[in-house]
PDB file of N, CA and C in Angstrom:
ATOM      1  N   MET A   1    -140.770  24.694 -21.194  1.00  0.00           N
ATOM      2  CA  MET A   1    -139.995  23.974 -21.606  1.00  0.00           C
ATOM      3  C   MET A   1    -140.389  24.386 -22.818  1.00  0.00           C
ATOM      4  N   LYS A   2    -138.633  25.623 -23.774  1.00  0.00           N
ATOM      5  CA  LYS A   2    -138.563  24.460 -25.124  1.00  0.00           C
ATOM      6  C   LYS A   2    -137.258  24.059 -25.347  1.00  0.00           C
ATOM      7  N   ILE A   3    -137.431  23.270 -26.325  1.00  0.00           N
ATOM      8  CA  ILE A   3    -135.355  22.331 -27.292  1.00  0.00           C
ATOM      9  C   ILE A   3    -136.040  23.411 -28.329  1.00  0.00           C
ATOM     10  N   ALA A   4    -135.067  22.777 -28.801  1.00  0.00           N
ATOM     11  CA  ALA A   4    -134.629  22.291 -29.934  1.00  0.00           C
ATOM     12  C   ALA A   4    -133.069  21.796 -30.233  1.00  0.00           C
ATOM     13  N   ILE A   5    -133.482  21.179 -31.141  1.00  0.00           N
ATOM     14  CA  ILE A   5    -132.344  19.849 -31.621  1.00  0.00           C
ATOM     15  C   ILE A   5    -132.040  20.005 -32.959  1.00  0.00           C
ATOM     16  N   THR A   6    -130.912  20.357 -33.904  1.00  0.00           N
ATOM     17  CA  THR A   6    -130.721  20.043 -35.046  1.00  0.00           C
ATOM     18  C   THR A   6    -130.891  18.730 -35.438  1.00  0.00           C
ATOM     19  N   ILE A   7    -130.932  19.214 -36.560  1.00  0.00           N
ATOM     20  CA  ILE A   7    -131.440  17.575 -37.162  1.00  0.00           C
ATOM     21  C   ILE A   7    -131.421  17.775 -39.058  1.00  0.00           C
ATOM     22  N   TRP A   8    -130.654  16.201 -39.416  1.00  0.00           N
ATOM     23  CA  TRP A   8    -130.160  15.661 -40.333  1.00  0.00           C
ATOM     24  C   TRP A   8    -131.436  14.519 -40.655  1.00  0.00           C
ATOM     25  N   GLY A   9    -132.539  14.678 -41.296  1.00  0.00           N
ATOM     26  CA  GLY A   9    -133.820  14.028 -41.847  1.00  0.00           C
ATOM     27  C   GLY A   9    -133.725  13.918 -40.559  1.00  0.00           C
ATOM     28  N   ASN A  10    -134.146  12.343 -39.574  1.00  0.00           N
ATOM     29  CA  ASN A  10    -135.593  11.855 -38.951  1.00  0.00           C
ATOM     30  C   ASN A  10    -133.992  11.520 -37.742  1.00  0.00           C
ATOM     31  N   ARG A  11    -132.241  11.876 -37.498  1.00  0.00           N
ATOM     32  CA  ARG A  11    -132.151  12.190 -36.743  1.00  0.00           C
ATOM     33  C   ARG A  11    -130.738  13.203 -36.067  1.00  0.00           C
ATOM     34  N   ILE A  12    -130.395  13.343 -35.011  1.00  0.00           N
ATOM     35  CA  ILE A  12    -129.570  15.033 -34.896  1.00  0.00           C
ATOM     36  C   ILE A  12    -128.680  14.110 -35.220  1.00  0.00           C
ATOM     37  N   SER A  13    -128.373  15.735 -36.220  1.00  0.00           N
ATOM     38  CA  SER A  13    -127.022  16.108 -37.226  1.00  0.00           C
ATOM     39  C   SER A  13    -125.591  15.801 -36.563  1.00  0.00           C
ATOM     40  N   PRO A  14    -125.083  14.854 -37.050  1.00  0.00           N
ATOM     41  CA  PRO A  14    -123.959  15.293 -36.358  1.00  0.00           C
ATOM     42  C   PRO A  14    -122.900  15.132 -36.279  1.00  0.00           C
ATOM     43  N   VAL A  15    -123.640  16.937 -37.368  1.00  0.00           N
ATOM     44  CA  VAL A  15    -121.835  17.737 -37.026  1.00  0.00           C
ATOM     45  C   VAL A  15    -122.861  19.489 -37.201  1.00  0.00           C
ATOM     46  N   PHE A  16    -122.594  20.139 -36.532  1.00  0.00           N
ATOM     47  CA  PHE A  16    -123.859  21.788 -36.504  1.00  0.00           C
ATOM     48  C   PHE A  16    -123.721  22.511 -37.828  1.00  0.00           C
ATOM     49  N   ASP A  17    -122.040  22.266 -38.339  1.00  0.00           N
ATOM     50  CA  ASP A  17    -122.334  22.932 -38.665  1.00  0.00           C
ATOM     51  C   ASP A  17    -122.155  22.519 -40.036  1.00  0.00           C
ATOM     52  N   VAL A  18    -123.081  22.074 -40.229  1.00  0.00           N
ATOM     53  CA  VAL A  18    -124.125  21.702 -41.997  1.00  0.00           C
ATOM     54  C   VAL A  18    -124.786  21.212 -41.634  1.00  0.00           C
ATOM     55  N   ALA A  19    -125.796  21.171 -40.584  1.00  0.00           N
ATOM     56  CA  ALA A  19    -127.182  21.002 -40.342  1.00  0.00           C
ATOM     57  C   ALA A  19    -127.062  22.256 -40.848  1.00  0.00           C
ATOM     58  N   SER A  20    -129.055  22.224 -40.668  1.00  0.00           N
ATOM     59  CA  SER A  20    -129.918  23.524 -41.404  1.00  0.00           C
ATOM     60  C   SER A  20    -131.311  23.623 -40.276  1.00  0.00           C
ATOM     61  N   THR A  21    -131.612  22.825 -40.274  1.00  0.00           N
ATOM     62  CA  THR A  21    -133.440  22.523 -39.720  1.00  0.00           C
ATOM     63  C   THR A  21    -132.692  21.769 -37.980  1.00  0.00           C
ATOM     64  N   LEU A  22    -133.650  23.067 -37.528  1.00  0.00           N
ATOM     65  CA  LEU A  22    -134.223  22.520 -36.307  1.00  0.00           C
ATOM     66  C   LEU A  22    -135.388  22.026 -35.773  1.00  0.00           C
ATOM     67  N   LEU A  23    -135.441  21.304 -34.698  1.00  0.00           N
ATOM     68  CA  LEU A  23    -136.453  20.199 -34.792  1.00  0.00           C
ATOM     69  C   LEU A  23    -137.220  21.576 -33.297  1.00  0.00           C
ATOM     70  N   VAL A  24    -137.844  21.997 -33.350  1.00  0.00           N
ATOM     71  CA  VAL A  24    -138.674  22.114 -32.074  1.00  0.00           C
ATOM     72  C   VAL A  24    -139.209  21.726 -31.216  1.00  0.00           C
ATOM     73  N   ALA A  25    -139.927  22.175 -29.880  1.00  0.00           N
ATOM     74  CA  ALA A  25    -140.809  21.531 -28.748  1.00  0.00           C
ATOM     75  C   ALA A  25    -140.327  21.792 -28.210  1.00  0.00           C
ATOM     76  N   ASP A  26    -141.960  21.993 -27.589  1.00  0.00           N
ATOM     77  CA  ASP A  26    -142.241  23.033 -26.502  1.00  0.00           C
ATOM     78  C   ASP A  26    -142.621  21.918 -25.849  1.00  0.00           C
ATOM     79  N   ILE A  27    -142.039  22.107 -24.444  1.00  0.00           N
ATOM     80  CA  ILE A  27    -142.032  20.694 -23.574  1.00  0.00           C
ATOM     81  C   ILE A  27    -143.124  21.106 -21.987  1.00  0.00           C
ATOM     82  N   LYS A  28    -143.935  20.655 -21.765  1.00  0.00           N
ATOM     83  CA  LYS A  28    -145.249  21.389 -21.031  1.00  0.00           C
ATOM     84  C   LYS A  28    -145.083  19.846 -19.992  1.00  0.00           C
ATOM     85  N   ASN A  29    -145.187  19.701 -18.827  1.00  0.00           N
ATOM     86  CA  ASN A  29    -145.792  18.588 -17.853  1.00  0.00           C
ATOM     87  C   ASN A  29    -145.329  16.815 -17.998  1.00  0.00           C
ATOM     88  N   LYS A  30    -143.798  17.075 -18.937  1.00  0.00           N
ATOM     89  CA  LYS A  30    -143.338  16.144 -19.288  1.00  0.00           C
ATOM     90  C   LYS A  30    -143.547  15.311 -20.227  1.00  0.00           C
ATOM     91  N   ILE A  31    -144.813  16.449 -21.085  1.00  0.00           N
ATOM     92  CA  ILE A  31    -145.425  16.336 -21.998  1.00  0.00           C
ATOM     93  C   ILE A  31    -144.713  17.146 -23.651  1.00  0.00           C
ATOM     94  N   ILE A  32    -144.687  16.228 -24.420  1.00  0.00           N
ATOM     95  CA  ILE A  32    -144.884  17.281 -25.341  1.00  0.00           C
ATOM     96  C   ILE A  32    -145.592  18.448 -26.068  1.00  0.00           C
ATOM     97  N   ALA A  33    -145.623  19.225 -25.780  1.00  0.00           N
ATOM     98  CA  ALA A  33    -146.829  19.521 -26.491  1.00  0.00           C
ATOM     99  C   ALA A  33    -146.831  20.789 -27.845  1.00  0.00           C
ATOM    100  N   HIS A  34    -145.843  20.602 -28.360  1.00  0.00           N
ATOM    101  CA  HIS A  34    -146.344  21.604 -29.930  1.00  0.00           C
ATOM    102  C   HIS A  34    -144.628  20.875 -30.162  1.00  0.00           C
ATOM    103  N   LYS A  35    -145.325  20.891 -31.871  1.00  0.00           N
ATOM    104  CA  LYS A  35    -143.685  20.619 -32.459  1.00  0.00           C
ATOM    105  C   LYS A  35    -143.180  21.585 -33.786  1.00  0.00           C
ATOM    106  N   THR A  36    -142.657  21.978 -33.632  1.00  0.00           N
ATOM    107  CA  THR A  36    -142.069  22.655 -35.698  1.00  0.00           C
ATOM    108  C   THR A  36    -140.880  22.650 -35.701  1.00  0.00           C
ATOM    109  N   TYR A  37    -140.837  22.611 -37.035  1.00  0.00           N
ATOM    110  CA  TYR A  37    -139.601  22.365 -37.938  1.00  0.00           C
ATOM    111  C   TYR A  37    -138.990  24.546 -37.624  1.00  0.00           C
ATOM    112  N   ILE A  38    -138.093  24.712 -37.907  1.00  0.00           N
ATOM    113  CA  ILE A  38    -137.417  25.721 -38.453  1.00  0.00           C
ATOM    114  C   ILE A  38    -135.839  26.330 -39.975  1.00  0.00           C
ATOM    115  N   SER A  39    -135.505  26.217 -40.386  1.00  0.00           N
ATOM    116  CA  SER A  39    -134.618  26.154 -40.980  1.00  0.00           C
ATOM    117  C   SER A  39    -133.923  27.669 -40.548  1.00  0.00           C
ATOM    118  N   PHE A  40    -132.574  27.599 -40.860  1.00  0.00           N
ATOM    119  CA  PHE A  40    -131.005  28.179 -39.831  1.00  0.00           C
ATOM    120  C   PHE A  40    -130.113  28.093 -41.198  1.00  0.00           C
ATOM    121  N   ASP A  41    -129.599  29.217 -41.273  1.00  0.00           N
ATOM    122  CA  ASP A  41    -127.547  28.960 -41.934  1.00  0.00           C
ATOM    123  C   ASP A  41    -127.084  29.087 -40.931  1.00  0.00           C
ATOM    124  N   PRO A  42    -126.355  27.940 -40.337  1.00  0.00           N
ATOM    125  CA  PRO A  42    -125.402  27.397 -39.325  1.00  0.00           C
ATOM    126  C   PRO A  42    -124.177  28.012 -39.976  1.00  0.00           C
ATOM    127  N   GLY A  43    -123.814  29.052 -41.375  1.00  0.00           N
ATOM    128  CA  GLY A  43    -122.755  29.875 -41.269  1.00  0.00           C
ATOM    129  C   GLY A  43    -123.013  30.550 -40.909  1.00  0.00           C
ATOM    130  N   ILE A  44    -124.110  31.038 -40.132  1.00  0.00           N
ATOM    131  CA  ILE A  44    -124.247  32.925 -39.786  1.00  0.00           C
ATOM    132  C   ILE A  44    -125.085  32.122 -38.216  1.00  0.00           C
ATOM    133  N   PRO A  45    -124.218  32.487 -37.636  1.00  0.00           N
ATOM    134  CA  PRO A  45    -124.428  31.768 -35.786  1.00  0.00           C
ATOM    135  C   PRO A  45    -125.572  33.252 -35.615  1.00  0.00           C
ATOM    136  N   SER A  46    -125.089  33.768 -35.489  1.00  0.00           N
ATOM    137  CA  SER A  46    -125.814  35.157 -34.907  1.00  0.00           C
ATOM    138  C   SER A  46    -127.384  35.092 -35.399  1.00  0.00           C
ATOM    139  N   GLY A  47    -127.480  34.955 -36.318  1.00  0.00           N
ATOM    140  CA  GLY A  47    -128.873  34.561 -37.017  1.00  0.00           C
ATOM    141  C   GLY A  47    -129.771  33.624 -35.999  1.00  0.00           C
ATOM    142  N   LEU A  48    -129.198  32.352 -35.942  1.00  0.00           N
ATOM    143  CA  LEU A  48    -129.605  31.049 -35.247  1.00  0.00           C
ATOM    144  C   LEU A  48    -129.786  32.210 -34.155  1.00  0.00           C
ATOM    145  N   ILE A  49    -128.803  32.805 -33.351  1.00  0.00           N
ATOM    146  CA  ILE A  49    -129.204  33.789 -31.551  1.00  0.00           C
ATOM    147  C   ILE A  49    -130.006  33.853 -31.789  1.00  0.00           C
ATOM    148  N   GLN A  50    -130.526  34.723 -32.753  1.00  0.00           N
ATOM    149  CA  GLN A  50    -131.632  35.875 -32.625  1.00  0.00           C
ATOM    150  C   GLN A  50    -132.781  34.327 -32.979  1.00  0.00           C
ATOM    151  N   THR A  51    -132.739  34.194 -34.385  1.00  0.00           N
ATOM    152  CA  THR A  51    -134.211  32.951 -33.548  1.00  0.00           C
ATOM    153  C   THR A  51    -134.431  31.784 -32.787  1.00  0.00           C
ATOM    154  N   LEU A  52    -132.969  31.781 -32.560  1.00  0.00           N
ATOM    155  CA  LEU A  52    -133.507  30.549 -30.508  1.00  0.00           C
ATOM    156  C   LEU A  52    -133.800  32.576 -29.808  1.00  0.00           C
ATOM    157  N   LYS A  53    -133.388  33.400 -29.822  1.00  0.00           N
ATOM    158  CA  LYS A  53    -134.064  33.970 -28.391  1.00  0.00           C
ATOM    159  C   LYS A  53    -135.627  34.301 -28.925  1.00  0.00           C
ATOM    160  N   ASN A  54    -135.513  34.925 -30.013  1.00  0.00           N
ATOM    161  CA  ASN A  54    -137.417  34.868 -30.285  1.00  0.00           C
ATOM    162  C   ASN A  54    -138.366  33.737 -30.270  1.00  0.00           C
ATOM    163  N   SER A  55    -137.804  33.041 -30.288  1.00  0.00           N
ATOM    164  CA  SER A  55    -138.758  31.696 -30.378  1.00  0.00           C
ATOM    165  C   SER A  55    -138.523  30.852 -28.457  1.00  0.00           C
ATOM    166  N   ASN A  56    -138.048  31.484 -27.948  1.00  0.00           N
ATOM    167  CA  ASN A  56    -137.582  31.163 -26.398  1.00  0.00           C
ATOM    168  C   ASN A  56    -137.093  29.664 -26.106  1.00  0.00           C
ATOM    169  N   ILE A  57    -136.319  29.580 -27.456  1.00  0.00           N
ATOM    170  CA  ILE A  57    -136.697  28.269 -26.702  1.00  0.00           C
ATOM    171  C   ILE A  57    -134.600  27.948 -26.294  1.00  0.00           C
ATOM    172  N   ALA A  58    -134.914  28.108 -24.534  1.00  0.00           N
ATOM    173  CA  ALA A  58    -134.088  27.712 -23.086  1.00  0.00           C
ATOM    174  C   ALA A  58    -132.446  27.109 -23.255  1.00  0.00           C
ATOM    175  N   ILE A  59    -132.675  25.566 -24.644  1.00  0.00           N
ATOM    176  CA  ILE A  59    -132.019  24.217 -24.980  1.00  0.00           C
ATOM    177  C   ILE A  59    -131.870  24.249 -26.428  1.00  0.00           C
ATOM    178  N   LEU A  60    -130.201  24.249 -26.633  1.00  0.00           N
ATOM    179  CA  LEU A  60    -129.633  23.744 -28.292  1.00  0.00           C
ATOM    180  C   LEU A  60    -129.940  22.476 -27.548  1.00  0.00           C
ATOM    181  N   VAL A  61    -130.103  21.099 -28.249  1.00  0.00           N
ATOM    182  CA  VAL A  61    -129.107  19.795 -28.314  1.00  0.00           C
ATOM    183  C   VAL A  61    -128.206  19.774 -29.809  1.00  0.00           C
ATOM    184  N   CYS A  62    -127.566  19.165 -30.394  1.00  0.00           N
ATOM    185  CA  CYS A  62    -126.617  19.253 -31.780  1.00  0.00           C
ATOM    186  C   CYS A  62    -125.886  17.731 -31.491  1.00  0.00           C
ATOM    187  N   GLY A  63    -125.305  17.168 -32.217  1.00  0.00           N
ATOM    188  CA  GLY A  63    -123.689  16.140 -31.974  1.00  0.00           C
ATOM    189  C   GLY A  63    -122.316  17.313 -32.254  1.00  0.00           C
ATOM    190  N   ALA A  64    -122.216  16.941 -32.688  1.00  0.00           N
ATOM    191  CA  ALA A  64    -120.575  17.663 -33.228  1.00  0.00           C
ATOM    192  C   ALA A  64    -120.616  18.743 -33.537  1.00  0.00           C
ATOM    193  N   ILE A  65    -120.015  20.249 -32.920  1.00  0.00           N
ATOM    194  CA  ILE A  65    -119.825  21.605 -32.871  1.00  0.00           C
ATOM    195  C   ILE A  65    -118.746  22.039 -32.920  1.00  0.00           C
ATOM    196  N   SER A  66    -118.878  23.348 -33.430  1.00  0.00           N
ATOM    197  CA  SER A  66    -117.154  24.245 -33.683  1.00  0.00           C
ATOM    198  C   SER A  66    -116.977  24.926 -32.230  1.00  0.00           C
ATOM    199  N   ASP A  67    -115.779  25.295 -31.879  1.00  0.00           N
ATOM    200  CA  ASP A  67    -116.044  26.329 -30.099  1.00  0.00           C
ATOM    201  C   ASP A  67    -116.408  27.761 -31.007  1.00  0.00           C
ATOM    202  N   ILE A  68    -116.337  28.111 -31.998  1.00  0.00           N
ATOM    203  CA  ILE A  68    -116.792  29.499 -31.649  1.00  0.00           C
ATOM    204  C   ILE A  68    -118.130  29.614 -32.203  1.00  0.00           C
ATOM    205  N   PRO A  69    -119.382  28.619 -33.176  1.00  0.00           N
ATOM    206  CA  PRO A  69    -120.846  28.969 -32.579  1.00  0.00           C
ATOM    207  C   PRO A  69    -121.409  28.349 -31.276  1.00  0.00           C
ATOM    208  N   ALA A  70    -120.277  27.686 -30.249  1.00  0.00           N
ATOM    209  CA  ALA A  70    -120.763  27.389 -29.449  1.00  0.00           C
ATOM    210  C   ALA A  70    -120.405  28.050 -28.058  1.00  0.00           C
ATOM    211  N   ASP A  71    -119.682  28.573 -28.442  1.00  0.00           N
ATOM    212  CA  ASP A  71    -119.475  29.641 -27.900  1.00  0.00           C
ATOM    213  C   ASP A  71    -120.292  31.230 -27.795  1.00  0.00           C
ATOM    214  N   LEU A  72    -120.514  30.854 -28.228  1.00  0.00           N
ATOM    215  CA  LEU A  72    -121.629  32.119 -29.494  1.00  0.00           C
ATOM    216  C   LEU A  72    -123.482  31.692 -28.367  1.00  0.00           C
ATOM    217  N   ILE A  73    -123.455  30.849 -28.760  1.00  0.00           N
ATOM    218  CA  ILE A  73    -124.796  30.404 -28.104  1.00  0.00           C
ATOM    219  C   ILE A  73    -124.306  30.228 -26.735  1.00  0.00           C
ATOM    220  N   LYS A  74    -123.401  29.511 -25.455  1.00  0.00           N
ATOM    221  CA  LYS A  74    -123.671  29.500 -24.247  1.00  0.00           C
ATOM    222  C   LYS A  74    -123.764  31.302 -23.635  1.00  0.00           C
ATOM    223  N   THR A  75    -122.759  32.000 -24.459  1.00  0.00           N
ATOM    224  CA  THR A  75    -122.169  32.821 -23.985  1.00  0.00           C
ATOM    225  C   THR A  75    -123.594  34.128 -24.449  1.00  0.00           C
ATOM    226  N   ASN A  76    -124.837  33.629 -24.767  1.00  0.00           N
ATOM    227  CA  ASN A  76    -126.565  34.522 -25.259  1.00  0.00           C
ATOM    228  C   ASN A  76    -126.835  33.196 -23.984  1.00  0.00           C
ATOM    229  N   ASP A  77    -126.819  33.103 -23.263  1.00  0.00           N
ATOM    230  CA  ASP A  77    -126.856  32.236 -21.563  1.00  0.00           C
ATOM    231  C   ASP A  77    -128.549  31.292 -22.847  1.00  0.00           C
ATOM    232  N   ILE A  78    -128.439  30.429 -23.893  1.00  0.00           N
ATOM    233  CA  ILE A  78    -128.487  29.105 -23.460  1.00  0.00           C
ATOM    234  C   ILE A  78    -127.938  27.721 -23.631  1.00  0.00           C
ATOM    235  N   LYS A  79    -128.574  27.429 -23.419  1.00  0.00           N
ATOM    236  CA  LYS A  79    -127.901  25.752 -22.376  1.00  0.00           C
ATOM    237  C   LYS A  79    -127.360  25.403 -23.992  1.00  0.00           C
ATOM    238  N   LEU A  80    -126.400  24.344 -24.267  1.00  0.00           N
ATOM    239  CA  LEU A  80    -125.829  23.547 -25.221  1.00  0.00           C
ATOM    240  C   LEU A  80    -125.875  22.341 -25.112  1.00  0.00           C
ATOM    241  N   ILE A  81    -126.563  21.355 -25.014  1.00  0.00           N
ATOM    242  CA  ILE A  81    -125.710  19.789 -25.019  1.00  0.00           C
ATOM    243  C   ILE A  81    -125.440  19.642 -25.915  1.00  0.00           C
ATOM    244  N   SER A  82    -124.205  19.603 -26.462  1.00  0.00           N
ATOM    245  CA  SER A  82    -123.352  19.163 -27.627  1.00  0.00           C
ATOM    246  C   SER A  82    -123.224  17.472 -27.359  1.00  0.00           C
ATOM    247  N   PHE A  83    -122.683  17.072 -29.338  1.00  0.00           N
ATOM    248  CA  PHE A  83    -122.477  15.591 -29.198  1.00  0.00           C
ATOM    249  C   PHE A  83    -123.129  14.376 -28.413  1.00  0.00           C
ATOM    250  N   VAL A  84    -124.337  14.619 -29.204  1.00  0.00           N
ATOM    251  CA  VAL A  84    -126.010  13.796 -29.378  1.00  0.00           C
ATOM    252  C   VAL A  84    -126.300  13.408 -30.377  1.00  0.00           C
ATOM    253  N   THR A  85    -126.505  11.837 -30.015  1.00  0.00           N
ATOM    254  CA  THR A  85    -126.802  10.993 -31.400  1.00  0.00           C
ATOM    255  C   THR A  85    -128.075  10.937 -30.985  1.00  0.00           C
ATOM    256  N   GLY A  86    -128.287  10.070 -32.147  1.00  0.00           N
ATOM    257  CA  GLY A  86    -129.393   8.981 -32.160  1.00  0.00           C
ATOM    258  C   GLY A  86    -130.602   9.457 -33.096  1.00  0.00           C
ATOM    259  N   ASN A  87    -131.883   8.872 -33.267  1.00  0.00           N
ATOM    260  CA  ASN A  87    -132.798   9.283 -33.698  1.00  0.00           C
ATOM    261  C   ASN A  87    -134.127  10.807 -33.182  1.00  0.00           C
ATOM    262  N   ALA A  88    -133.525  11.712 -33.511  1.00  0.00           N
ATOM    263  CA  ALA A  88    -134.100  13.124 -32.362  1.00  0.00           C
ATOM    264  C   ALA A  88    -135.299  13.117 -31.850  1.00  0.00           C
ATOM    265  N   LEU A  89    -137.162  12.023 -32.481  1.00  0.00           N
ATOM    266  CA  LEU A  89    -138.174  11.752 -31.822  1.00  0.00           C
ATOM    267  C   LEU A  89    -137.528  10.670 -30.713  1.00  0.00           C
ATOM    268  N   LYS A  90    -137.115  10.105 -30.529  1.00  0.00           N
ATOM    269  CA  LYS A  90    -136.351   8.832 -29.324  1.00  0.00           C
ATOM    270  C   LYS A  90    -135.608  10.033 -28.672  1.00  0.00           C
ATOM    271  N   PHE A  91    -135.110  10.882 -29.269  1.00  0.00           N
ATOM    272  CA  PHE A  91    -134.686  11.951 -28.001  1.00  0.00           C
ATOM    273  C   PHE A  91    -135.293  12.746 -26.614  1.00  0.00           C
ATOM    274  N   LEU A  92    -135.809  13.462 -28.282  1.00  0.00           N
ATOM    275  CA  LEU A  92    -137.028  14.889 -27.267  1.00  0.00           C
ATOM    276  C   LEU A  92    -138.230  13.513 -26.792  1.00  0.00           C
ATOM    277  N   ASP A  93    -138.841  12.041 -26.803  1.00  0.00           N
ATOM    278  CA  ASP A  93    -139.594  11.753 -26.391  1.00  0.00           C
ATOM    279  C   ASP A  93    -138.454  11.300 -24.945  1.00  0.00           C
ATOM    280  N   ASP A  94    -137.120  10.620 -24.876  1.00  0.00           N
ATOM    281  CA  ASP A  94    -136.579  10.639 -23.796  1.00  0.00           C
ATOM    282  C   ASP A  94    -136.407  11.142 -22.350  1.00  0.00           C
ATOM    283  N   PHE A  95    -135.707  13.017 -23.401  1.00  0.00           N
ATOM    284  CA  PHE A  95    -136.383  13.763 -22.342  1.00  0.00           C
ATOM    285  C   PHE A  95    -137.199  14.283 -21.744  1.00  0.00           C
ATOM    286  N   ALA A  96    -138.333  14.677 -22.954  1.00  0.00           N
ATOM    287  CA  ALA A  96    -140.077  14.856 -21.949  1.00  0.00           C
ATOM    288  C   ALA A  96    -139.311  14.292 -21.077  1.00  0.00           C
ATOM    289  N   ASN A  97    -139.283  12.887 -21.731  1.00  0.00           N
ATOM    290  CA  ASN A  97    -140.164  11.709 -19.330  1.00  0.00           C
ATOM    291  C   ASN A  97    -138.758  11.842 -18.723  1.00  0.00           C
ATOM    292  N   LYS A  98    -137.747  12.501 -18.383  1.00  0.00           N
ATOM    293  CA  LYS A  98    -137.058  12.874 -17.552  1.00  0.00           C
ATOM    294  C   LYS A  98    -136.623  14.087 -17.240  1.00  0.00           C
ATOM    295  N   HIS A  99    -137.066  14.805 -18.094  1.00  0.00           N
ATOM    296  CA  HIS A  99    -137.155  15.864 -18.493  1.00  0.00           C
ATOM    297  C   HIS A  99    -135.385  16.716 -17.854  1.00  0.00           C
ATOM    298  N   THR A 100    -134.500  15.715 -18.430  1.00  0.00           N
ATOM    299  CA  THR A 100    -132.867  15.230 -18.680  1.00  0.00           C
ATOM    300  C   THR A 100    -132.499  16.860 -18.556  1.00  0.00           C
ATOM    301  N   ILE A 101    -131.581  17.643 -18.461  1.00  0.00           N
ATOM    302  CA  ILE A 101    -131.029  19.071 -18.426  1.00  0.00           C
ATOM    303  C   ILE A 101    -129.184  19.211 -18.764  1.00  0.00           C
ATOM    304  N   ASP A 102    -128.543  17.812 -19.104  1.00  0.00           N
ATOM    305  CA  ASP A 102    -127.415  17.399 -19.086  1.00  0.00           C
ATOM    306  C   ASP A 102    -126.523  16.428 -19.461  1.00  0.00           C
ATOM    307  N   LYS A 103    -125.422  16.716 -19.807  1.00  0.00           N
ATOM    308  CA  LYS A 103    -125.009  16.095 -20.412  1.00  0.00           C
ATOM    309  C   LYS A 103    -124.777  14.300 -19.262  1.00  0.00           C
ATOM    310  N   HIS A 104    -124.905  15.136 -18.564  1.00  0.00           N
ATOM    311  CA  HIS A 104    -124.407  13.548 -17.182  1.00  0.00           C
ATOM    312  C   HIS A 104    -125.370  13.001 -16.999  1.00  0.00           C
ATOM    313  N   THR A 105    -127.436  13.590 -17.384  1.00  0.00           N
ATOM    314  CA  THR A 105    -127.726  12.703 -16.987  1.00  0.00           C
ATOM    315  C   THR A 105    -128.651  12.031 -18.370  1.00  0.00           C
ATOM    316  N   ILE A 106    -127.946  12.498 -20.051  1.00  0.00           N
ATOM    317  CA  ILE A 106    -128.387  12.136 -21.170  1.00  0.00           C
ATOM    318  C   ILE A 106    -128.146  10.987 -21.261  1.00  0.00           C
ATOM    319  N   ASP A 107    -129.155   9.298 -21.255  1.00  0.00           N
ATOM    320  CA  ASP A 107    -129.037   8.468 -21.834  1.00  0.00           C
ATOM    321  C   ASP A 107    -127.512   8.506 -22.429  1.00  0.00           C
ATOM    322  N   LYS A 108    -126.809   6.919 -22.212  1.00  0.00           N
ATOM    323  CA  LYS A 108    -125.833   7.066 -23.219  1.00  0.00           C
ATOM    324  C   LYS A 108    -126.039   6.151 -24.259  1.00  0.00           C
ATOM    325  N   LYS A 109    -127.150   5.446 -24.641  1.00  0.00           N
ATOM    326  CA  LYS A 109    -127.274   5.249 -25.989  1.00  0.00           C
ATOM    327  C   LYS A 109    -127.279   7.141 -26.885  1.00  0.00           C
ATOM    328  N   PHE A 110    -127.389   8.321 -26.649  1.00  0.00           N
ATOM    329  CA  PHE A 110    -128.169   8.819 -26.901  1.00  0.00           C
ATOM    330  C   PHE A 110    -126.330  10.442 -26.971  1.00  0.00           C
ATOM    331  N   ILE A 111    -125.251   9.730 -26.164  1.00  0.00           N
ATOM    332  CA  ILE A 111    -123.939   9.985 -26.617  1.00  0.00           C
ATOM    333  C   ILE A 111    -123.074   9.665 -27.766  1.00  0.00           C
ATOM    334  N   MET A 112    -122.835  10.230 -28.342  1.00  0.00           N
ATOM    335  CA  MET A 112    -121.538  10.662 -29.834  1.00  0.00           C
ATOM    336  C   MET A 112    -120.503   9.163 -28.931  1.00  0.00           C
ATOM    337  N   PRO A 113    -120.088   8.543 -29.707  1.00  0.00           N
ATOM    338  CA  PRO A 113    -119.438   7.114 -30.016  1.00  0.00           C
ATOM    339  C   PRO A 113    -117.839   8.373 -30.073  1.00  0.00           C
ATOM    340  N   GLY A 114    -116.965   7.765 -28.563  1.00  0.00           N
ATOM    341  CA  GLY A 114    -115.667   8.720 -28.906  1.00  0.00           C
ATOM    342  C   GLY A 114    -115.722   9.933 -27.045  1.00  0.00           C
ATOM    343  N   TYR A 115    -116.982  10.208 -27.464  1.00  0.00           N
ATOM    344  CA  TYR A 115    -117.595  11.048 -26.181  1.00  0.00           C
ATOM    345  C   TYR A 115    -116.484  11.618 -25.000  1.00  0.00           C
ATOM    346  N   SER A 116    -117.157  11.370 -24.105  1.00  0.00           N
ATOM    347  CA  SER A 116    -116.099  11.376 -22.845  1.00  0.00           C
ATOM    348  C   SER A 116    -116.723  12.571 -21.245  1.00  0.00           C
ATOM    349  N   LYS A 117    -117.211  12.367 -20.754  1.00  0.00           N
ATOM    350  CA  LYS A 117    -119.207  13.237 -20.011  1.00  0.00           C
ATOM    351  C   LYS A 117    -118.044  14.004 -19.507  1.00  0.00           C
ATOM    352  N   GLY A 118    -116.955  13.382 -18.777  1.00  0.00           N
ATOM    353  CA  GLY A 118    -115.827  14.779 -17.999  1.00  0.00           C
ATOM    354  C   GLY A 118    -115.004  15.616 -18.761  1.00  0.00           C
TER     355      GLY A 118
END
């Protein structure tokens, strides 16, 4: 399974709309088999969609995200896990170990303050 995380430095980017780098990881048997970084332009969501599809990425993790790019990501069959925060590599390790795939099972330390899971 491939997962992409929008990053800002070593953290999950707090706002998707200004992020320009993806941390892409290939997870196999709860182990991060490979990591790479990809640049993208958040102002062109269709370009990001093409990048995600060309890289066979199934899940995109980000912080806060506007409705238009969020809807575009979801309508292109890419699972979106938004309003996530914290150190990107720690999140990735936690994700790989638990194979977490939705907001309801993500460790609460990675959920943005003020975000309601409901």
